[in-house]
Structure formats: structure tokens, C-alpha cells
PDB file of N, CA and C in Angstrom:
ATOM      1  N   UNK A   1      16.459 -30.574 -13.190  1.00  0.00           N
ATOM      2  CA  UNK A   1      14.769 -29.744 -13.886  1.00  0.00           C
ATOM      3  C   UNK A   1      14.686 -29.443 -12.029  1.00  0.00           C
ATOM      4  N   UNK A   2      15.003 -29.753 -10.897  1.00  0.00           N
ATOM      5  CA  UNK A   2      14.608 -28.389  -9.934  1.00  0.00           C
ATOM      6  C   UNK A   2      14.730 -27.066  -9.715  1.00  0.00           C
ATOM      7  N   UNK A   3      16.651 -27.427  -9.971  1.00  0.00           N
ATOM      8  CA  UNK A   3      17.254 -26.415 -10.106  1.00  0.00           C
ATOM      9  C   UNK A   3      16.801 -25.232 -11.178  1.00  0.00           C
ATOM     10  N   UNK A   4      16.355 -25.265 -11.997  1.00  0.00           N
ATOM     11  CA  UNK A   4      16.449 -24.490 -13.434  1.00  0.00           C
ATOM     12  C   UNK A   4      14.958 -24.160 -13.268  1.00  0.00           C
ATOM     13  N   UNK A   5      13.479 -24.869 -11.960  1.00  0.00           N
ATOM     14  CA  UNK A   5      12.824 -24.465 -11.878  1.00  0.00           C
ATOM     15  C   UNK A   5      12.673 -23.016 -10.287  1.00  0.00           C
ATOM     16  N   UNK A   6      13.855 -23.478 -10.090  1.00  0.00           N
ATOM     17  CA  UNK A   6      14.458 -23.234  -8.772  1.00  0.00           C
ATOM     18  C   UNK A   6      15.149 -21.367  -8.612  1.00  0.00           C
ATOM     19  N   UNK A   7      14.901 -21.582 -10.176  1.00  0.00           N
ATOM     20  CA  UNK A   7      16.892 -20.441 -10.376  1.00  0.00           C
ATOM     21  C   UNK A   7      15.287 -19.983 -11.243  1.00  0.00           C
ATOM     22  N   UNK A   8      13.925 -19.979 -12.755  1.00  0.00           N
ATOM     23  CA  UNK A   8      13.160 -19.697 -12.584  1.00  0.00           C
ATOM     24  C   UNK A   8      12.643 -19.069 -11.495  1.00  0.00           C
ATOM     25  N   UNK A   9      12.073 -19.130 -10.503  1.00  0.00           N
ATOM     26  CA  UNK A   9      10.986 -18.557  -9.695  1.00  0.00           C
ATOM     27  C   UNK A   9      11.045 -17.749  -9.474  1.00  0.00           C
ATOM     28  N   UNK A  10      13.045 -17.566  -8.742  1.00  0.00           N
ATOM     29  CA  UNK A  10      13.427 -15.978  -8.675  1.00  0.00           C
ATOM     30  C   UNK A  10      13.390 -15.413  -9.458  1.00  0.00           C
ATOM     31  N   UNK A  11      13.502 -15.067 -10.230  1.00  0.00           N
ATOM     32  CA  UNK A  11      14.181 -14.730 -11.312  1.00  0.00           C
ATOM     33  C   UNK A  11      12.745 -13.322 -11.443  1.00  0.00           C
ATOM     34  N   UNK A  12      11.856 -14.359 -11.801  1.00  0.00           N
ATOM     35  CA  UNK A  12      10.559 -13.610 -12.258  1.00  0.00           C
ATOM     36  C   UNK A  12       9.141 -13.676 -11.236  1.00  0.00           C
ATOM     37  N   UNK A  13      10.329 -14.194 -10.533  1.00  0.00           N
ATOM     38  CA  UNK A  13       8.763 -13.483  -9.072  1.00  0.00           C
ATOM     39  C   UNK A  13       8.415 -11.551  -8.495  1.00  0.00           C
ATOM     40  N   UNK A  14       9.538 -11.061  -9.063  1.00  0.00           N
ATOM     41  CA  UNK A  14       9.646  -9.930  -8.918  1.00  0.00           C
ATOM     42  C   UNK A  14       9.681  -9.519  -7.262  1.00  0.00           C
ATOM     43  N   UNK A  15       9.888  -8.785  -7.289  1.00  0.00           N
ATOM     44  CA  UNK A  15       9.697  -7.302  -5.807  1.00  0.00           C
ATOM     45  C   UNK A  15       8.572  -7.706  -5.144  1.00  0.00           C
ATOM     46  N   UNK A  16       8.099  -7.839  -3.757  1.00  0.00           N
ATOM     47  CA  UNK A  16       7.447  -7.227  -2.792  1.00  0.00           C
ATOM     48  C   UNK A  16       7.114  -5.728  -2.530  1.00  0.00           C
ATOM     49  N   UNK A  17       7.890  -5.039  -2.972  1.00  0.00           N
ATOM     50  CA  UNK A  17       7.508  -3.736  -1.830  1.00  0.00           C
ATOM     51  C   UNK A  17       6.725  -2.842  -3.602  1.00  0.00           C
ATOM     52  N   UNK A  18       6.681  -2.728  -2.901  1.00  0.00           N
ATOM     53  CA  UNK A  18       5.369  -1.226  -3.031  1.00  0.00           C
ATOM     54  C   UNK A  18       6.539   0.099  -4.794  1.00  0.00           C
ATOM     55  N   UNK A  19       5.793   0.176  -5.692  1.00  0.00           N
ATOM     56  CA  UNK A  19       6.670   0.795  -6.249  1.00  0.00           C
ATOM     57  C   UNK A  19       7.026   2.401  -5.270  1.00  0.00           C
ATOM     58  N   UNK A  20       7.853   2.966  -5.430  1.00  0.00           N
ATOM     59  CA  UNK A  20       8.414   3.934  -5.688  1.00  0.00           C
ATOM     60  C   UNK A  20       8.023   5.133  -5.156  1.00  0.00           C
ATOM     61  N   UNK A  21       7.761   5.983  -4.600  1.00  0.00           N
ATOM     62  CA  UNK A  21       7.562   7.078  -4.413  1.00  0.00           C
ATOM     63  C   UNK A  21       7.602   8.339  -5.412  1.00  0.00           C
ATOM     64  N   UNK A  22       9.866   8.157  -4.533  1.00  0.00           N
ATOM     65  CA  UNK A  22      10.073   9.347  -5.252  1.00  0.00           C
ATOM     66  C   UNK A  22      10.198   9.948  -4.470  1.00  0.00           C
ATOM     67  N   UNK A  23      10.241  10.081  -3.816  1.00  0.00           N
ATOM     68  CA  UNK A  23      10.538  10.286  -2.721  1.00  0.00           C
ATOM     69  C   UNK A  23      12.021  11.088  -2.252  1.00  0.00           C
ATOM     70  N   UNK A  24      12.422  12.255  -1.442  1.00  0.00           N
ATOM     71  CA  UNK A  24      13.760  11.948  -0.868  1.00  0.00           C
ATOM     72  C   UNK A  24      13.830  10.947   0.526  1.00  0.00           C
ATOM     73  N   UNK A  25      14.927  10.298   0.792  1.00  0.00           N
ATOM     74  CA  UNK A  25      15.106  10.272   1.768  1.00  0.00           C
ATOM     75  C   UNK A  25      15.652  10.412   2.532  1.00  0.00           C
ATOM     76  N   UNK A  26      14.397   9.971   4.107  1.00  0.00           N
ATOM     77  CA  UNK A  26      14.622  10.532   6.037  1.00  0.00           C
ATOM     78  C   UNK A  26      14.335  12.018   5.910  1.00  0.00           C
ATOM     79  N   UNK A  27      13.497  11.825   3.854  1.00  0.00           N
ATOM     80  CA  UNK A  27      12.731  13.260   4.847  1.00  0.00           C
ATOM     81  C   UNK A  27      10.855  12.434   5.181  1.00  0.00           C
ATOM     82  N   UNK A  28       9.776  14.458   5.536  1.00  0.00           N
ATOM     83  CA  UNK A  28       8.961  13.567   6.373  1.00  0.00           C
ATOM     84  C   UNK A  28       8.037  14.016   6.433  1.00  0.00           C
ATOM     85  N   UNK A  29       6.465  13.788   6.169  1.00  0.00           N
ATOM     86  CA  UNK A  29       5.340  15.002   5.564  1.00  0.00           C
ATOM     87  C   UNK A  29       3.898  13.550   6.666  1.00  0.00           C
ATOM     88  N   UNK A  30       2.821  14.187   5.896  1.00  0.00           N
ATOM     89  CA  UNK A  30       1.987  14.085   7.682  1.00  0.00           C
ATOM     90  C   UNK A  30       1.161  13.231   5.605  1.00  0.00           C
ATOM     91  N   UNK A  31      -0.285  11.988   6.207  1.00  0.00           N
ATOM     92  CA  UNK A  31      -0.696  11.583   5.678  1.00  0.00           C
ATOM     93  C   UNK A  31      -1.809  10.719   6.572  1.00  0.00           C
ATOM     94  N   UNK A  32      -3.162  11.204   5.628  1.00  0.00           N
ATOM     95  CA  UNK A  32      -4.204  10.927   6.278  1.00  0.00           C
ATOM     96  C   UNK A  32      -4.033  10.581   8.016  1.00  0.00           C
ATOM     97  N   UNK A  33      -4.276  12.096   8.292  1.00  0.00           N
ATOM     98  CA  UNK A  33      -3.152  12.442   9.742  1.00  0.00           C
ATOM     99  C   UNK A  33      -1.965  11.537  10.502  1.00  0.00           C
ATOM    100  N   UNK A  34      -1.116  10.521   9.870  1.00  0.00           N
ATOM    101  CA  UNK A  34      -0.256  10.017  10.271  1.00  0.00           C
ATOM    102  C   UNK A  34       0.922  10.413   9.913  1.00  0.00           C
ATOM    103  N   UNK A  35       2.086  10.346  10.436  1.00  0.00           N
ATOM    104  CA  UNK A  35       3.236  11.405  10.538  1.00  0.00           C
ATOM    105  C   UNK A  35       4.101  10.542   9.468  1.00  0.00           C
ATOM    106  N   UNK A  36       4.760  10.280   7.959  1.00  0.00           N
ATOM    107  CA  UNK A  36       5.337   9.432   6.818  1.00  0.00           C
ATOM    108  C   UNK A  36       6.773   9.822   7.785  1.00  0.00           C
ATOM    109  N   UNK A  37       7.497   9.320   7.039  1.00  0.00           N
ATOM    110  CA  UNK A  37       9.016   9.521   7.337  1.00  0.00           C
ATOM    111  C   UNK A  37       9.190   8.287   5.107  1.00  0.00           C
ATOM    112  N   UNK A  38      10.249   9.191   3.859  1.00  0.00           N
ATOM    113  CA  UNK A  38      10.555   8.334   3.893  1.00  0.00           C
ATOM    114  C   UNK A  38      12.000   8.073   3.589  1.00  0.00           C
ATOM    115  N   UNK A  39      12.363   6.668   2.977  1.00  0.00           N
ATOM    116  CA  UNK A  39      13.212   5.395   4.136  1.00  0.00           C
ATOM    117  C   UNK A  39      13.769   5.886   2.353  1.00  0.00           C
ATOM    118  N   UNK A  40      15.329   4.564   2.707  1.00  0.00           N
ATOM    119  CA  UNK A  40      16.567   5.018   1.799  1.00  0.00           C
ATOM    120  C   UNK A  40      16.010   4.909   0.346  1.00  0.00           C
ATOM    121  N   UNK A  41      14.504   3.566   0.734  1.00  0.00           N
ATOM    122  CA  UNK A  41      14.227   2.960  -1.790  1.00  0.00           C
ATOM    123  C   UNK A  41      13.293   4.323  -1.490  1.00  0.00           C
ATOM    124  N   UNK A  42      13.167   5.563  -1.335  1.00  0.00           N
ATOM    125  CA  UNK A  42      11.726   6.416  -1.776  1.00  0.00           C
ATOM    126  C   UNK A  42      11.072   5.850  -1.519  1.00  0.00           C
ATOM    127  N   UNK A  43      10.747   5.156  -0.612  1.00  0.00           N
ATOM    128  CA  UNK A  43       8.610   5.336  -0.488  1.00  0.00           C
ATOM    129  C   UNK A  43       8.281   5.742   1.406  1.00  0.00           C
ATOM    130  N   UNK A  44       6.727   5.648   0.987  1.00  0.00           N
ATOM    131  CA  UNK A  44       6.776   6.581   2.240  1.00  0.00           C
ATOM    132  C   UNK A  44       6.572   5.534   3.318  1.00  0.00           C
ATOM    133  N   UNK A  45       6.907   5.798   4.328  1.00  0.00           N
ATOM    134  CA  UNK A  45       6.513   4.597   5.633  1.00  0.00           C
ATOM    135  C   UNK A  45       5.919   5.128   6.196  1.00  0.00           C
ATOM    136  N   UNK A  46       4.663   5.007   6.501  1.00  0.00           N
ATOM    137  CA  UNK A  46       3.979   5.849   8.289  1.00  0.00           C
ATOM    138  C   UNK A  46       5.418   4.940   9.237  1.00  0.00           C
ATOM    139  N   UNK A  47       4.947   6.393  10.354  1.00  0.00           N
ATOM    140  CA  UNK A  47       5.237   6.152  11.313  1.00  0.00           C
ATOM    141  C   UNK A  47       4.596   5.714  12.228  1.00  0.00           C
ATOM    142  N   UNK A  48       4.809   4.483  13.465  1.00  0.00           N
ATOM    143  CA  UNK A  48       3.883   4.310  13.851  1.00  0.00           C
ATOM    144  C   UNK A  48       2.330   3.828  13.611  1.00  0.00           C
ATOM    145  N   UNK A  49       1.533   2.966  13.690  1.00  0.00           N
ATOM    146  CA  UNK A  49       0.681   2.615  13.825  1.00  0.00           C
ATOM    147  C   UNK A  49      -0.456   3.074  14.228  1.00  0.00           C
ATOM    148  N   UNK A  50      -0.926   4.423  14.727  1.00  0.00           N
ATOM    149  CA  UNK A  50      -2.265   4.529  15.326  1.00  0.00           C
ATOM    150  C   UNK A  50      -2.437   6.135  14.686  1.00  0.00           C
ATOM    151  N   UNK A  51      -2.882   7.031  14.716  1.00  0.00           N
ATOM    152  CA  UNK A  51      -3.814   7.595  13.934  1.00  0.00           C
ATOM    153  C   UNK A  51      -3.814   8.965  14.588  1.00  0.00           C
ATOM    154  N   UNK A  52      -3.183  10.092  14.762  1.00  0.00           N
ATOM    155  CA  UNK A  52      -2.774  11.099  15.483  1.00  0.00           C
ATOM    156  C   UNK A  52      -3.920  11.523  16.937  1.00  0.00           C
ATOM    157  N   UNK A  53      -5.118  11.418  15.303  1.00  0.00           N
ATOM    158  CA  UNK A  53      -6.279  12.358  16.392  1.00  0.00           C
ATOM    159  C   UNK A  53      -6.613  10.367  17.089  1.00  0.00           C
ATOM    160  N   UNK A  54      -6.187   9.750  17.592  1.00  0.00           N
ATOM    161  CA  UNK A  54      -6.107   8.851  18.370  1.00  0.00           C
ATOM    162  C   UNK A  54      -6.229   8.857  19.918  1.00  0.00           C
ATOM    163  N   UNK A  55      -4.555   9.724  19.196  1.00  0.00           N
ATOM    164  CA  UNK A  55      -4.204   9.954  21.090  1.00  0.00           C
ATOM    165  C   UNK A  55      -4.034  11.378  21.119  1.00  0.00           C
ATOM    166  N   UNK A  56      -5.290  11.858  20.660  1.00  0.00           N
ATOM    167  CA  UNK A  56      -5.124  13.727  20.787  1.00  0.00           C
ATOM    168  C   UNK A  56      -4.515  14.779  20.167  1.00  0.00           C
ATOM    169  N   UNK A  57      -3.586  14.028  18.899  1.00  0.00           N
ATOM    170  CA  UNK A  57      -3.511  15.057  18.642  1.00  0.00           C
ATOM    171  C   UNK A  57      -3.358  15.191  16.991  1.00  0.00           C
ATOM    172  N   UNK A  58      -2.464  16.713  16.775  1.00  0.00           N
ATOM    173  CA  UNK A  58      -2.835  16.065  15.112  1.00  0.00           C
ATOM    174  C   UNK A  58      -1.538  16.120  14.416  1.00  0.00           C
ATOM    175  N   UNK A  59      -1.284  15.115  13.470  1.00  0.00           N
ATOM    176  CA  UNK A  59      -0.007  14.909  12.698  1.00  0.00           C
ATOM    177  C   UNK A  59       0.117  16.776  11.975  1.00  0.00           C
ATOM    178  N   UNK A  60       1.697  17.220  12.596  1.00  0.00           N
ATOM    179  CA  UNK A  60       1.508  18.319  11.963  1.00  0.00           C
ATOM    180  C   UNK A  60       3.241  18.612  11.039  1.00  0.00           C
ATOM    181  N   UNK A  61       3.614  19.558  10.853  1.00  0.00           N
ATOM    182  CA  UNK A  61       5.857  20.109  11.023  1.00  0.00           C
ATOM    183  C   UNK A  61       5.861  20.397  12.586  1.00  0.00           C
ATOM    184  N   UNK A  62       6.731  20.400  13.467  1.00  0.00           N
ATOM    185  CA  UNK A  62       6.760  20.647  14.690  1.00  0.00           C
ATOM    186  C   UNK A  62       8.556  21.287  14.273  1.00  0.00           C
ATOM    187  N   UNK A  63       9.060  22.211  15.230  1.00  0.00           N
ATOM    188  CA  UNK A  63       9.317  23.303  15.139  1.00  0.00           C
ATOM    189  C   UNK A  63      10.971  22.504  15.284  1.00  0.00           C
ATOM    190  N   UNK A  64      11.092  20.577  14.948  1.00  0.00           N
ATOM    191  CA  UNK A  64      12.269  20.211  14.850  1.00  0.00           C
ATOM    192  C   UNK A  64      12.346  19.785  13.064  1.00  0.00           C
ATOM    193  N   UNK A  65      11.397  20.678  12.461  1.00  0.00           N
ATOM    194  CA  UNK A  65      11.638  20.106  10.991  1.00  0.00           C
ATOM    195  C   UNK A  65      11.631  18.828  11.172  1.00  0.00           C
ATOM    196  N   UNK A  66      10.152  18.285  11.584  1.00  0.00           N
ATOM    197  CA  UNK A  66       9.913  16.923  11.375  1.00  0.00           C
ATOM    198  C   UNK A  66       8.961  16.605  11.589  1.00  0.00           C
ATOM    199  N   UNK A  67       7.258  16.328  10.828  1.00  0.00           N
ATOM    200  CA  UNK A  67       6.106  15.381  11.087  1.00  0.00           C
ATOM    201  C   UNK A  67       6.346  14.945  11.846  1.00  0.00           C
ATOM    202  N   UNK A  68       4.696  14.970  12.453  1.00  0.00           N
ATOM    203  CA  UNK A  68       4.692  14.284  13.780  1.00  0.00           C
ATOM    204  C   UNK A  68       3.614  14.367  14.854  1.00  0.00           C
ATOM    205  N   UNK A  69       3.262  13.768  16.117  1.00  0.00           N
ATOM    206  CA  UNK A  69       1.989  13.845  16.581  1.00  0.00           C
ATOM    207  C   UNK A  69       2.548  14.737  17.516  1.00  0.00           C
ATOM    208  N   UNK A  70       1.347  16.363  17.715  1.00  0.00           N
ATOM    209  CA  UNK A  70       1.946  16.271  18.045  1.00  0.00           C
ATOM    210  C   UNK A  70       0.745  17.572  18.884  1.00  0.00           C
ATOM    211  N   UNK A  71       0.353  17.924  20.095  1.00  0.00           N
ATOM    212  CA  UNK A  71      -0.585  18.813  19.982  1.00  0.00           C
ATOM    213  C   UNK A  71      -1.080  19.955  19.410  1.00  0.00           C
ATOM    214  N   UNK A  72      -1.802  20.899  18.601  1.00  0.00           N
ATOM    215  CA  UNK A  72      -1.705  21.150  17.760  1.00  0.00           C
ATOM    216  C   UNK A  72      -0.927  23.103  18.551  1.00  0.00           C
ATOM    217  N   UNK A  73      -0.996  22.979  19.417  1.00  0.00           N
ATOM    218  CA  UNK A  73      -0.621  24.527  19.981  1.00  0.00           C
ATOM    219  C   UNK A  73       1.462  24.112  19.514  1.00  0.00           C
ATOM    220  N   UNK A  74       1.988  23.193  19.380  1.00  0.00           N
ATOM    221  CA  UNK A  74       3.148  22.237  19.653  1.00  0.00           C
ATOM    222  C   UNK A  74       3.523  22.503  17.505  1.00  0.00           C
ATOM    223  N   UNK A  75       2.524  22.557  16.201  1.00  0.00           N
ATOM    224  CA  UNK A  75       2.381  22.977  14.900  1.00  0.00           C
ATOM    225  C   UNK A  75       3.015  24.039  14.562  1.00  0.00           C
ATOM    226  N   UNK A  76       4.057  24.547  13.408  1.00  0.00           N
ATOM    227  CA  UNK A  76       4.362  24.779  13.168  1.00  0.00           C
ATOM    228  C   UNK A  76       4.520  25.574  11.273  1.00  0.00           C
ATOM    229  N   UNK A  77       4.305  26.476  10.972  1.00  0.00           N
ATOM    230  CA  UNK A  77       4.421  26.438   9.714  1.00  0.00           C
ATOM    231  C   UNK A  77       5.123  25.503   8.894  1.00  0.00           C
ATOM    232  N   UNK A  78       5.003  25.768   7.664  1.00  0.00           N
ATOM    233  CA  UNK A  78       5.387  24.574   6.692  1.00  0.00           C
ATOM    234  C   UNK A  78       6.513  25.997   5.871  1.00  0.00           C
TER     235      UNK A  78
END
């Protein structure tokens, strides 16, 4: 009976991951003044744990073609 209960709990527990965002893996973006990267499971994941403004920077596209916390002068148009 224990084995059956364990298997049932495992099958119906569901995933602890949030729903997929449908982003393209390894792409970046800015949300809420923080850079995010799209994971291999198509979910936006924050980079670091601090908002850009907290370190005197802004979140934007850089010349390296990634979104990051940088001084305003380092931002390029997307």
C-alpha cells in the first residue's frame, strides 16, 4: 500500500516550475529594472538579485547584444 501511495503522489504532484513563457533560450530582456535571460525550459530567469537602479545603473541592451545593468551611456538601441 505504501508503494502505491508513493507512486500516486509522485504522478500527481505536478511541476514546481512556473508556466513556460515561450521565450527563445539564451535571449535576454529587461523587466522591472533587472536583466533576465531565457532558460532552456523557456522561462524568464532574473540575472542577479539586485535592481539596476540599486547599483546606479540602468537595464538596457548593450553593445554585446545582451541586456545588462550598465551606465546609461553604454546602452544601444534594440
